[in-house]
PDB file of N, CA and C in Angstrom:
ATOM      1  N   MET A   1      -8.331   1.518 -17.080  1.00  0.00           N
ATOM      2  CA  MET A   1      -8.436   0.401 -16.164  1.00  0.00           C
ATOM      3  C   MET A   1      -7.789  -0.853 -16.734  1.00  0.00           C
ATOM      4  N   VAL A   2      -7.718  -0.966 -18.048  1.00  0.00           N
ATOM      5  CA  VAL A   2      -7.168  -2.165 -18.667  1.00  0.00           C
ATOM      6  C   VAL A   2      -5.720  -2.382 -18.222  1.00  0.00           C
ATOM      7  N   LEU A   3      -4.912  -1.309 -18.223  1.00  0.00           N
ATOM      8  CA  LEU A   3      -3.522  -1.465 -17.820  1.00  0.00           C
ATOM      9  C   LEU A   3      -3.402  -1.874 -16.362  1.00  0.00           C
ATOM     10  N   PHE A   4      -4.242  -1.311 -15.505  1.00  0.00           N
ATOM     11  CA  PHE A   4      -4.191  -1.667 -14.100  1.00  0.00           C
ATOM     12  C   PHE A   4      -4.661  -3.089 -13.864  1.00  0.00           C
ATOM     13  N   ASP A   5      -5.550  -3.601 -14.700  1.00  0.00           N
ATOM     14  CA  ASP A   5      -5.988  -4.986 -14.566  1.00  0.00           C
ATOM     15  C   ASP A   5      -4.820  -5.939 -14.786  1.00  0.00           C
ATOM     16  N   GLN A   6      -3.840  -5.518 -15.585  1.00  0.00           N
ATOM     17  CA  GLN A   6      -2.663  -6.343 -15.815  1.00  0.00           C
ATOM     18  C   GLN A   6      -1.863  -6.535 -14.523  1.00  0.00           C
ATOM     19  N   LEU A   7      -1.988  -5.614 -13.600  1.00  0.00           N
ATOM     20  CA  LEU A   7      -1.259  -5.701 -12.343  1.00  0.00           C
ATOM     21  C   LEU A   7      -1.879  -6.680 -11.359  1.00  0.00           C
ATOM     22  N   TYR A   8      -3.125  -7.062 -11.566  1.00  0.00           N
ATOM     23  CA  TYR A   8      -3.836  -7.847 -10.561  1.00  0.00           C
ATOM     24  C   TYR A   8      -3.099  -9.140 -10.211  1.00  0.00           C
ATOM     25  N   ALA A   9      -2.670  -9.883 -11.208  1.00  0.00           N
ATOM     26  CA  ALA A   9      -1.962 -11.139 -10.950  1.00  0.00           C
ATOM     27  C   ALA A   9      -0.654 -10.874 -10.216  1.00  0.00           C
ATOM     28  N   TYR A  10       0.019  -9.807 -10.605  1.00  0.00           N
ATOM     29  CA  TYR A  10       1.282  -9.444  -9.959  1.00  0.00           C
ATOM     30  C   TYR A  10       1.054  -9.067  -8.500  1.00  0.00           C
ATOM     31  N   PHE A  11       0.016  -8.274  -8.232  1.00  0.00           N
ATOM     32  CA  PHE A  11      -0.299  -7.876  -6.857  1.00  0.00           C
ATOM     33  C   PHE A  11      -0.699  -9.090  -6.026  1.00  0.00           C
ATOM     34  N   SER A  12      -1.452 -10.018  -6.608  1.00  0.00           N
ATOM     35  CA  SER A  12      -1.845 -11.224  -5.883  1.00  0.00           C
ATOM     36  C   SER A  12      -0.616 -12.033  -5.499  1.00  0.00           C
ATOM     37  N   TYR A  13       0.332 -12.125  -6.401  1.00  0.00           N
ATOM     38  CA  TYR A  13       1.585 -12.829  -6.127  1.00  0.00           C
ATOM     39  C   TYR A  13       2.335 -12.153  -4.978  1.00  0.00           C
ATOM     40  N   MET A  14       2.231 -10.840  -4.891  1.00  0.00           N
ATOM     41  CA  MET A  14       2.911 -10.079  -3.847  1.00  0.00           C
ATOM     42  C   MET A  14       2.119 -10.086  -2.540  1.00  0.00           C
ATOM     43  N   ARG A  15       1.020 -10.810  -2.501  1.00  0.00           N
ATOM     44  CA  ARG A  15       0.162 -10.938  -1.319  1.00  0.00           C
ATOM     45  C   ARG A  15      -0.446  -9.606  -0.886  1.00  0.00           C
ATOM     46  N   ILE A  16      -0.838  -8.830  -1.862  1.00  0.00           N
ATOM     47  CA  ILE A  16      -1.597  -7.613  -1.592  1.00  0.00           C
ATOM     48  C   ILE A  16      -3.065  -8.032  -1.519  1.00  0.00           C
ATOM     49  N   LYS A  17      -3.767  -7.613  -0.487  1.00  0.00           N
ATOM     50  CA  LYS A  17      -5.182  -7.953  -0.334  1.00  0.00           C
ATOM     51  C   LYS A  17      -5.995  -7.320  -1.459  1.00  0.00           C
ATOM     52  N   ASP A  18      -7.108  -7.958  -1.824  1.00  0.00           N
ATOM     53  CA  ASP A  18      -7.959  -7.444  -2.905  1.00  0.00           C
ATOM     54  C   ASP A  18      -8.399  -6.012  -2.646  1.00  0.00           C
ATOM     55  N   HIS A  19      -8.838  -5.704  -1.436  1.00  0.00           N
ATOM     56  CA  HIS A  19      -9.309  -4.342  -1.156  1.00  0.00           C
ATOM     57  C   HIS A  19      -8.154  -3.341  -1.209  1.00  0.00           C
ATOM     58  N   GLU A  20      -6.950  -3.767  -0.840  1.00  0.00           N
ATOM     59  CA  GLU A  20      -5.791  -2.870  -0.948  1.00  0.00           C
ATOM     60  C   GLU A  20      -5.483  -2.595  -2.417  1.00  0.00           C
ATOM     61  N   TYR A  21      -5.486  -3.646  -3.228  1.00  0.00           N
ATOM     62  CA  TYR A  21      -5.254  -3.496  -4.662  1.00  0.00           C
ATOM     63  C   TYR A  21      -6.258  -2.537  -5.285  1.00  0.00           C
ATOM     64  N   LYS A  22      -7.537  -2.758  -5.007  1.00  0.00           N
ATOM     65  CA  LYS A  22      -8.583  -1.914  -5.596  1.00  0.00           C
ATOM     66  C   LYS A  22      -8.424  -0.457  -5.173  1.00  0.00           C
ATOM     67  N   ASP A  23      -8.105  -0.224  -3.910  1.00  0.00           N
ATOM     68  CA  ASP A  23      -7.942   1.152  -3.430  1.00  0.00           C
ATOM     69  C   ASP A  23      -6.710   1.823  -4.026  1.00  0.00           C
ATOM     70  N   ILE A  24      -5.625   1.069  -4.183  1.00  0.00           N
ATOM     71  CA  ILE A  24      -4.411   1.634  -4.798  1.00  0.00           C
ATOM     72  C   ILE A  24      -4.682   2.007  -6.249  1.00  0.00           C
ATOM     73  N   VAL A  25      -5.306   1.096  -6.983  1.00  0.00           N
ATOM     74  CA  VAL A  25      -5.626   1.351  -8.393  1.00  0.00           C
ATOM     75  C   VAL A  25      -6.562   2.546  -8.517  1.00  0.00           C
ATOM     76  N   GLU A  26      -7.585   2.591  -7.685  1.00  0.00           N
ATOM     77  CA  GLU A  26      -8.543   3.703  -7.726  1.00  0.00           C
ATOM     78  C   GLU A  26      -7.853   5.039  -7.431  1.00  0.00           C
ATOM     79  N   ALA A  27      -6.981   5.053  -6.444  1.00  0.00           N
ATOM     80  CA  ALA A  27      -6.269   6.292  -6.101  1.00  0.00           C
ATOM     81  C   ALA A  27      -5.384   6.748  -7.259  1.00  0.00           C
ATOM     82  N   LEU A  28      -4.700   5.816  -7.908  1.00  0.00           N
ATOM     83  CA  LEU A  28      -3.847   6.171  -9.051  1.00  0.00           C
ATOM     84  C   LEU A  28      -4.684   6.688 -10.215  1.00  0.00           C
ATOM     85  N   GLU A  29      -5.768   5.987 -10.525  1.00  0.00           N
ATOM     86  CA  GLU A  29      -6.632   6.399 -11.633  1.00  0.00           C
ATOM     87  C   GLU A  29      -7.265   7.766 -11.373  1.00  0.00           C
ATOM     88  N   ASN A  30      -7.700   8.008 -10.132  1.00  0.00           N
ATOM     89  CA  ASN A  30      -8.331   9.288  -9.794  1.00  0.00           C
ATOM     90  C   ASN A  30      -7.384  10.466  -9.983  1.00  0.00           C
ATOM     91  N   ARG A  31      -6.100  10.225  -9.875  1.00  0.00           N
ATOM     92  CA  ARG A  31      -5.097  11.281 -10.063  1.00  0.00           C
ATOM     93  C   ARG A  31      -4.542  11.299 -11.483  1.00  0.00           C
ATOM     94  N   GLY A  32      -5.047  10.417 -12.359  1.00  0.00           N
ATOM     95  CA  GLY A  32      -4.641  10.430 -13.762  1.00  0.00           C
ATOM     96  C   GLY A  32      -3.308   9.747 -14.038  1.00  0.00           C
ATOM     97  N   PHE A  33      -2.846   8.907 -13.135  1.00  0.00           N
ATOM     98  CA  PHE A  33      -1.583   8.205 -13.336  1.00  0.00           C
ATOM     99  C   PHE A  33      -1.808   6.898 -14.083  1.00  0.00           C
ATOM    100  N   THR A  34      -0.750   6.385 -14.695  1.00  0.00           N
ATOM    101  CA  THR A  34      -0.767   5.072 -15.336  1.00  0.00           C
ATOM    102  C   THR A  34       0.269   4.193 -14.640  1.00  0.00           C
ATOM    103  N   ILE A  35       0.238   2.900 -14.948  1.00  0.00           N
ATOM    104  CA  ILE A  35       1.205   2.000 -14.320  1.00  0.00           C
ATOM    105  C   ILE A  35       2.634   2.318 -14.755  1.00  0.00           C
ATOM    106  N   ASP A  36       2.780   2.967 -15.895  1.00  0.00           N
ATOM    107  CA  ASP A  36       4.105   3.329 -16.370  1.00  0.00           C
ATOM    108  C   ASP A  36       4.737   4.456 -15.560  1.00  0.00           C
ATOM    109  N   ASP A  37       3.953   5.134 -14.747  1.00  0.00           N
ATOM    110  CA  ASP A  37       4.468   6.227 -13.919  1.00  0.00           C
ATOM    111  C   ASP A  37       5.169   5.728 -12.658  1.00  0.00           C
ATOM    112  N   PHE A  38       4.988   4.442 -12.323  1.00  0.00           N
ATOM    113  CA  PHE A  38       5.474   3.924 -11.046  1.00  0.00           C
ATOM    114  C   PHE A  38       6.140   2.572 -11.193  1.00  0.00           C
ATOM    115  N   ASP A  39       7.022   2.285 -10.260  1.00  0.00           N
ATOM    116  CA  ASP A  39       7.540   0.937 -10.067  1.00  0.00           C
ATOM    117  C   ASP A  39       6.812   0.369  -8.847  1.00  0.00           C
ATOM    118  N   PHE A  40       6.428  -0.888  -8.918  1.00  0.00           N
ATOM    119  CA  PHE A  40       5.735  -1.571  -7.825  1.00  0.00           C
ATOM    120  C   PHE A  40       6.658  -2.677  -7.333  1.00  0.00           C
ATOM    121  N   ILE A  41       7.094  -2.582  -6.084  1.00  0.00           N
ATOM    122  CA  ILE A  41       8.071  -3.523  -5.547  1.00  0.00           C
ATOM    123  C   ILE A  41       7.583  -4.037  -4.201  1.00  0.00           C
ATOM    124  N   LYS A  42       7.742  -5.333  -3.977  1.00  0.00           N
ATOM    125  CA  LYS A  42       7.459  -5.917  -2.664  1.00  0.00           C
ATOM    126  C   LYS A  42       8.756  -6.554  -2.194  1.00  0.00           C
ATOM    127  N   LYS A  43       9.232  -6.094  -1.040  1.00  0.00           N
ATOM    128  CA  LYS A  43      10.503  -6.600  -0.523  1.00  0.00           C
ATOM    129  C   LYS A  43      10.430  -6.661   0.990  1.00  0.00           C
ATOM    130  N   LYS A  44      10.692  -7.839   1.531  1.00  0.00           N
ATOM    131  CA  LYS A  44      10.703  -8.074   2.974  1.00  0.00           C
ATOM    132  C   LYS A  44       9.422  -7.604   3.652  1.00  0.00           C
ATOM    133  N   GLY A  45       8.292  -7.879   2.996  1.00  0.00           N
ATOM    134  CA  GLY A  45       6.993  -7.529   3.561  1.00  0.00           C
ATOM    135  C   GLY A  45       6.525  -6.111   3.271  1.00  0.00           C
ATOM    136  N   TRP A  46       7.392  -5.278   2.736  1.00  0.00           N
ATOM    137  CA  TRP A  46       7.043  -3.891   2.419  1.00  0.00           C
ATOM    138  C   TRP A  46       6.599  -3.792   0.969  1.00  0.00           C
ATOM    139  N   PHE A  47       5.491  -3.089   0.743  1.00  0.00           N
ATOM    140  CA  PHE A  47       5.038  -2.772  -0.612  1.00  0.00           C
ATOM    141  C   PHE A  47       5.493  -1.357  -0.918  1.00  0.00           C
ATOM    142  N   HIS A  48       6.263  -1.201  -1.990  1.00  0.00           N
ATOM    143  CA  HIS A  48       6.807   0.106  -2.371  1.00  0.00           C
ATOM    144  C   HIS A  48       6.177   0.566  -3.686  1.00  0.00           C
ATOM    145  N   LEU A  49       5.722   1.784  -3.691  1.00  0.00           N
ATOM    146  CA  LEU A  49       5.197   2.442  -4.877  1.00  0.00           C
ATOM    147  C   LEU A  49       6.147   3.612  -5.143  1.00  0.00           C
ATOM    148  N   ILE A  50       6.960   3.512  -6.204  1.00  0.00           N
ATOM    149  CA  ILE A  50       8.019   4.495  -6.454  1.00  0.00           C
ATOM    150  C   ILE A  50       7.729   5.214  -7.760  1.00  0.00           C
ATOM    151  N   ARG A  51       7.679   6.530  -7.698  1.00  0.00           N
ATOM    152  CA  ARG A  51       7.446   7.323  -8.913  1.00  0.00           C
ATOM    153  C   ARG A  51       8.722   7.361  -9.729  1.00  0.00           C
ATOM    154  N   ARG A  52       8.640   6.909 -10.955  1.00  0.00           N
ATOM    155  CA  ARG A  52       9.826   6.777 -11.803  1.00  0.00           C
ATOM    156  C   ARG A  52      10.484   8.116 -12.123  1.00  0.00           C
ATOM    157  N   SER A  53       9.705   9.142 -12.340  1.00  0.00           N
ATOM    158  CA  SER A  53      10.279  10.414 -12.780  1.00  0.00           C
ATOM    159  C   SER A  53      10.978  11.183 -11.670  1.00  0.00           C
ATOM    160  N   SER A  54      10.753  10.810 -10.398  1.00  0.00           N
ATOM    161  CA  SER A  54      11.345  11.608  -9.324  1.00  0.00           C
ATOM    162  C   SER A  54      11.898  10.791  -8.165  1.00  0.00           C
ATOM    163  N   SER A  55      11.713   9.496  -8.170  1.00  0.00           N
ATOM    164  CA  SER A  55      12.131   8.603  -7.081  1.00  0.00           C
ATOM    165  C   SER A  55      11.401   8.867  -5.771  1.00  0.00           C
ATOM    166  N   GLN A  56      10.295   9.619  -5.808  1.00  0.00           N
ATOM    167  CA  GLN A  56       9.477   9.772  -4.615  1.00  0.00           C
ATOM    168  C   GLN A  56       8.788   8.435  -4.361  1.00  0.00           C
ATOM    169  N   PHE A  57       8.559   8.108  -3.088  1.00  0.00           N
ATOM    170  CA  PHE A  57       8.021   6.797  -2.792  1.00  0.00           C
ATOM    171  C   PHE A  57       6.943   6.828  -1.714  1.00  0.00           C
ATOM    172  N   PHE A  58       6.096   5.827  -1.778  1.00  0.00           N
ATOM    173  CA  PHE A  58       5.110   5.530  -0.744  1.00  0.00           C
ATOM    174  C   PHE A  58       5.260   4.045  -0.453  1.00  0.00           C
ATOM    175  N   SER A  59       5.396   3.682   0.818  1.00  0.00           N
ATOM    176  CA  SER A  59       5.562   2.283   1.195  1.00  0.00           C
ATOM    177  C   SER A  59       4.664   1.960   2.375  1.00  0.00           C
ATOM    178  N   PHE A  60       4.203   0.709   2.405  1.00  0.00           N
ATOM    179  CA  PHE A  60       3.486   0.267   3.590  1.00  0.00           C
ATOM    180  C   PHE A  60       3.794  -1.196   3.875  1.00  0.00           C
ATOM    181  N   HIS A  61       3.659  -1.539   5.138  1.00  0.00           N
ATOM    182  CA  HIS A  61       3.873  -2.904   5.604  1.00  0.00           C
ATOM    183  C   HIS A  61       2.686  -3.271   6.489  1.00  0.00           C
ATOM    184  N   ARG A  62       2.022  -4.360   6.155  1.00  0.00           N
ATOM    185  CA  ARG A  62       0.893  -4.844   6.938  1.00  0.00           C
ATOM    186  C   ARG A  62       1.395  -5.971   7.830  1.00  0.00           C
ATOM    187  N   LYS A  63       1.220  -5.822   9.131  1.00  0.00           N
ATOM    188  CA  LYS A  63       1.690  -6.842  10.060  1.00  0.00           C
ATOM    189  C   LYS A  63       0.529  -7.322  10.929  1.00  0.00           C
ATOM    190  N   LEU A  64       0.286  -8.613  10.881  1.00  0.00           N
ATOM    191  CA  LEU A  64      -0.745  -9.233  11.700  1.00  0.00           C
ATOM    192  C   LEU A  64      -0.049 -10.017  12.805  1.00  0.00           C
ATOM    193  N   GLU A  65      -0.383  -9.699  14.033  1.00  0.00           N
ATOM    194  CA  GLU A  65       0.168 -10.400  15.181  1.00  0.00           C
ATOM    195  C   GLU A  65      -0.964 -11.074  15.937  1.00  0.00           C
ATOM    196  N   THR A  66      -0.716 -12.285  16.374  1.00  0.00           N
ATOM    197  CA  THR A  66      -1.678 -13.007  17.194  1.00  0.00           C
ATOM    198  C   THR A  66      -1.036 -13.256  18.547  1.00  0.00           C
ATOM    199  N   GLN A  67      -1.732 -12.841  19.582  1.00  0.00           N
ATOM    200  CA  GLN A  67      -1.229 -13.023  20.941  1.00  0.00           C
ATOM    201  C   GLN A  67      -2.207 -13.876  21.733  1.00  0.00           C
ATOM    202  N   LEU A  68      -1.664 -14.661  22.642  1.00  0.00           N
ATOM    203  CA  LEU A  68      -2.479 -15.445  23.553  1.00  0.00           C
ATOM    204  C   LEU A  68      -2.567 -14.661  24.861  1.00  0.00           C
ATOM    205  N   ILE A  69      -3.764 -14.133  25.129  1.00  0.00           N
ATOM    206  CA  ILE A  69      -3.983 -13.316  26.323  1.00  0.00           C
ATOM    207  C   ILE A  69      -5.104 -13.935  27.128  1.00  0.00           C
ATOM    208  N   GLN A  70      -4.793 -14.338  28.340  1.00  0.00           N
ATOM    209  CA  GLN A  70      -5.763 -14.952  29.250  1.00  0.00           C
ATOM    210  C   GLN A  70      -6.534 -16.093  28.585  1.00  0.00           C
ATOM    211  N   GLY A  71      -5.805 -16.947  27.878  1.00  0.00           N
ATOM    212  CA  GLY A  71      -6.409 -18.113  27.254  1.00  0.00           C
ATOM    213  C   GLY A  71      -7.138 -17.863  25.950  1.00  0.00           C
ATOM    214  N   GLU A  72      -7.117 -16.616  25.438  1.00  0.00           N
ATOM    215  CA  GLU A  72      -7.770 -16.282  24.167  1.00  0.00           C
ATOM    216  C   GLU A  72      -6.740 -15.760  23.168  1.00  0.00           C
ATOM    217  N   PHE A  73      -6.924 -16.176  21.914  1.00  0.00           N
ATOM    218  CA  PHE A  73      -6.076 -15.638  20.865  1.00  0.00           C
ATOM    219  C   PHE A  73      -6.668 -14.319  20.390  1.00  0.00           C
ATOM    220  N   ARG A  74      -5.844 -13.300  20.329  1.00  0.00           N
ATOM    221  CA  ARG A  74      -6.284 -11.979  19.864  1.00  0.00           C
ATOM    222  C   ARG A  74      -5.371 -11.509  18.740  1.00  0.00           C
ATOM    223  N   ASP A  75      -6.007 -11.103  17.646  1.00  0.00           N
ATOM    224  CA  ASP A  75      -5.268 -10.581  16.493  1.00  0.00           C
ATOM    225  C   ASP A  75      -5.162  -9.073  16.578  1.00  0.00           C
ATOM    226  N   SER A  76      -4.026  -8.564  16.178  1.00  0.00           N
ATOM    227  CA  SER A  76      -3.883  -7.114  16.031  1.00  0.00           C
ATOM    228  C   SER A  76      -3.206  -6.850  14.690  1.00  0.00           C
ATOM    229  N   LEU A  77      -3.736  -5.895  13.978  1.00  0.00           N
ATOM    230  CA  LEU A  77      -3.247  -5.549  12.651  1.00  0.00           C
ATOM    231  C   LEU A  77      -2.639  -4.155  12.701  1.00  0.00           C
ATOM    232  N   THR A  78      -1.437  -4.039  12.161  1.00  0.00           N
ATOM    233  CA  THR A  78      -0.745  -2.754  12.146  1.00  0.00           C
ATOM    234  C   THR A  78      -0.241  -2.478  10.737  1.00  0.00           C
ATOM    235  N   TYR A  79      -0.461  -1.259  10.270  1.00  0.00           N
ATOM    236  CA  TYR A  79       0.112  -0.800   9.009  1.00  0.00           C
ATOM    237  C   TYR A  79       1.205   0.202   9.334  1.00  0.00           C
ATOM    238  N   ARG A  80       2.395  -0.054   8.836  1.00  0.00           N
ATOM    239  CA  ARG A  80       3.481   0.904   8.935  1.00  0.00           C
ATOM    240  C   ARG A  80       3.589   1.584   7.584  1.00  0.00           C
ATOM    241  N   ILE A  81       3.644   2.908   7.610  1.00  0.00           N
ATOM    242  CA  ILE A  81       3.630   3.700   6.384  1.00  0.00           C
ATOM    243  C   ILE A  81       4.888   4.554   6.329  1.00  0.00           C
ATOM    244  N   LYS A  82       5.539   4.576   5.170  1.00  0.00           N
ATOM    245  CA  LYS A  82       6.696   5.446   4.964  1.00  0.00           C
ATOM    246  C   LYS A  82       6.519   6.174   3.635  1.00  0.00           C
ATOM    247  N   THR A  83       6.874   7.445   3.624  1.00  0.00           N
ATOM    248  CA  THR A  83       6.942   8.226   2.385  1.00  0.00           C
ATOM    249  C   THR A  83       8.254   8.989   2.413  1.00  0.00           C
ATOM    250  N   ASP A  84       8.539   9.679   1.323  1.00  0.00           N
ATOM    251  CA  ASP A  84       9.764  10.467   1.280  1.00  0.00           C
ATOM    252  C   ASP A  84       9.732  11.604   2.296  1.00  0.00           C
ATOM    253  N   SER A  85       8.577  11.882   2.887  1.00  0.00           N
ATOM    254  CA  SER A  85       8.479  12.984   3.850  1.00  0.00           C
ATOM    255  C   SER A  85       8.315  12.519   5.298  1.00  0.00           C
ATOM    256  N   GLY A  86       8.315  11.210   5.557  1.00  0.00           N
ATOM    257  CA  GLY A  86       8.201  10.754   6.939  1.00  0.00           C
ATOM    258  C   GLY A  86       7.585   9.375   7.059  1.00  0.00           C
ATOM    259  N   SER A  87       7.267   9.005   8.308  1.00  0.00           N
ATOM    260  CA  SER A  87       6.676   7.696   8.545  1.00  0.00           C
ATOM    261  C   SER A  87       5.633   7.790   9.657  1.00  0.00           C
ATOM    262  N   GLU A  88       4.745   6.794   9.679  1.00  0.00           N
ATOM    263  CA  GLU A  88       3.708   6.729  10.701  1.00  0.00           C
ATOM    264  C   GLU A  88       3.218   5.295  10.813  1.00  0.00           C
ATOM    265  N   GLU A  89       2.395   5.052  11.809  1.00  0.00           N
ATOM    266  CA  GLU A  89       1.838   3.727  12.047  1.00  0.00           C
ATOM    267  C   GLU A  89       0.355   3.879  12.357  1.00  0.00           C
ATOM    268  N   THR A  90      -0.442   2.951  11.865  1.00  0.00           N
ATOM    269  CA  THR A  90      -1.884   2.988  12.105  1.00  0.00           C
ATOM    270  C   THR A  90      -2.403   1.565  12.225  1.00  0.00           C
ATOM    271  N   ASP A  91      -3.610   1.438  12.721  1.00  0.00           N
ATOM    272  CA  ASP A  91      -4.187   0.108  12.869  1.00  0.00           C
ATOM    273  C   ASP A  91      -5.302  -0.172  11.864  1.00  0.00           C
ATOM    274  N   ASN A  92      -5.418   0.691  10.829  1.00  0.00           N
ATOM    275  CA  ASN A  92      -6.462   0.409   9.836  1.00  0.00           C
ATOM    276  C   ASN A  92      -6.051   0.825   8.433  1.00  0.00           C
ATOM    277  N   TRP A  93      -6.658   0.158   7.469  1.00  0.00           N
ATOM    278  CA  TRP A  93      -6.341   0.401   6.066  1.00  0.00           C
ATOM    279  C   TRP A  93      -6.832   1.773   5.611  1.00  0.00           C
ATOM    280  N   ASP A  94      -7.952   2.251   6.133  1.00  0.00           N
ATOM    281  CA  ASP A  94      -8.493   3.541   5.694  1.00  0.00           C
ATOM    282  C   ASP A  94      -7.488   4.675   5.892  1.00  0.00           C
ATOM    283  N   LYS A  95      -6.783   4.682   7.000  1.00  0.00           N
ATOM    284  CA  LYS A  95      -5.756   5.698   7.252  1.00  0.00           C
ATOM    285  C   LYS A  95      -4.599   5.534   6.273  1.00  0.00           C
ATOM    286  N   THR A  96      -4.232   4.288   5.994  1.00  0.00           N
ATOM    287  CA  THR A  96      -3.161   4.018   5.025  1.00  0.00           C
ATOM    288  C   THR A  96      -3.564   4.525   3.651  1.00  0.00           C
ATOM    289  N   ARG A  97      -4.799   4.234   3.252  1.00  0.00           N
ATOM    290  CA  ARG A  97      -5.312   4.698   1.957  1.00  0.00           C
ATOM    291  C   ARG A  97      -5.348   6.226   1.909  1.00  0.00           C
ATOM    292  N   GLY A  98      -5.766   6.856   3.000  1.00  0.00           N
ATOM    293  CA  GLY A  98      -5.790   8.315   3.056  1.00  0.00           C
ATOM    294  C   GLY A  98      -4.409   8.923   2.906  1.00  0.00           C
ATOM    295  N   THR A  99      -3.418   8.305   3.526  1.00  0.00           N
ATOM    296  CA  THR A  99      -2.039   8.785   3.396  1.00  0.00           C
ATOM    297  C   THR A  99      -1.555   8.622   1.961  1.00  0.00           C
ATOM    298  N   LEU A 100      -1.910   7.508   1.316  1.00  0.00           N
ATOM    299  CA  LEU A 100      -1.568   7.299  -0.098  1.00  0.00           C
ATOM    300  C   LEU A 100      -2.193   8.394  -0.958  1.00  0.00           C
ATOM    301  N   GLU A 101      -3.463   8.687  -0.737  1.00  0.00           N
ATOM    302  CA  GLU A 101      -4.145   9.709  -1.527  1.00  0.00           C
ATOM    303  C   GLU A 101      -3.522  11.088  -1.320  1.00  0.00           C
ATOM    304  N   GLU A 102      -3.140  11.409  -0.094  1.00  0.00           N
ATOM    305  CA  GLU A 102      -2.460  12.686   0.178  1.00  0.00           C
ATOM    306  C   GLU A 102      -1.116  12.741  -0.534  1.00  0.00           C
ATOM    307  N   TRP A 103      -0.394  11.639  -0.499  1.00  0.00           N
ATOM    308  CA  TRP A 103       0.902  11.582  -1.162  1.00  0.00           C
ATOM    309  C   TRP A 103       0.759  11.769  -2.677  1.00  0.00           C
ATOM    310  N   LEU A 104      -0.218  11.103  -3.266  1.00  0.00           N
ATOM    311  CA  LEU A 104      -0.454  11.247  -4.713  1.00  0.00           C
ATOM    312  C   LEU A 104      -0.866  12.670  -5.066  1.00  0.00           C
ATOM    313  N   LYS A 105      -1.655  13.267  -4.213  1.00  0.00           N
ATOM    314  CA  LYS A 105      -2.114  14.650  -4.452  1.00  0.00           C
ATOM    315  C   LYS A 105      -0.929  15.614  -4.476  1.00  0.00           C
ATOM    316  N   ALA A 106       0.072  15.357  -3.658  1.00  0.00           N
ATOM    317  CA  ALA A 106       1.236  16.238  -3.574  1.00  0.00           C
ATOM    318  C   ALA A 106       2.215  16.058  -4.739  1.00  0.00           C
ATOM    319  N   LEU A 107       2.064  14.992  -5.533  1.00  0.00           N
ATOM    320  CA  LEU A 107       2.990  14.774  -6.662  1.00  0.00           C
ATOM    321  C   LEU A 107       2.760  15.751  -7.786  1.00  0.00           C
TER     322      LEU A 107
END
């Protein structure tokens, strides 16, 4: 956990939410990975987790939209997910975390 704690400031700078950071770290630790196994990149709103030894990747983009509907502001949150095997979209973090865990399991 000590090595992953070093990432916290970096993840905060990249505007990764605390619960997203904790879930990513937990998923990596549960599979026995270290921070040296991956590159962590944030570019144009996308967070990329790239495995150094194979260039396999997991990426997600969190998009919050606010719309004015009938005089009320309504927020909608969308996660776009991409991996080396495809892409999908969901409206919750739990599905994104599940896709990350499946991707790590397949490595």
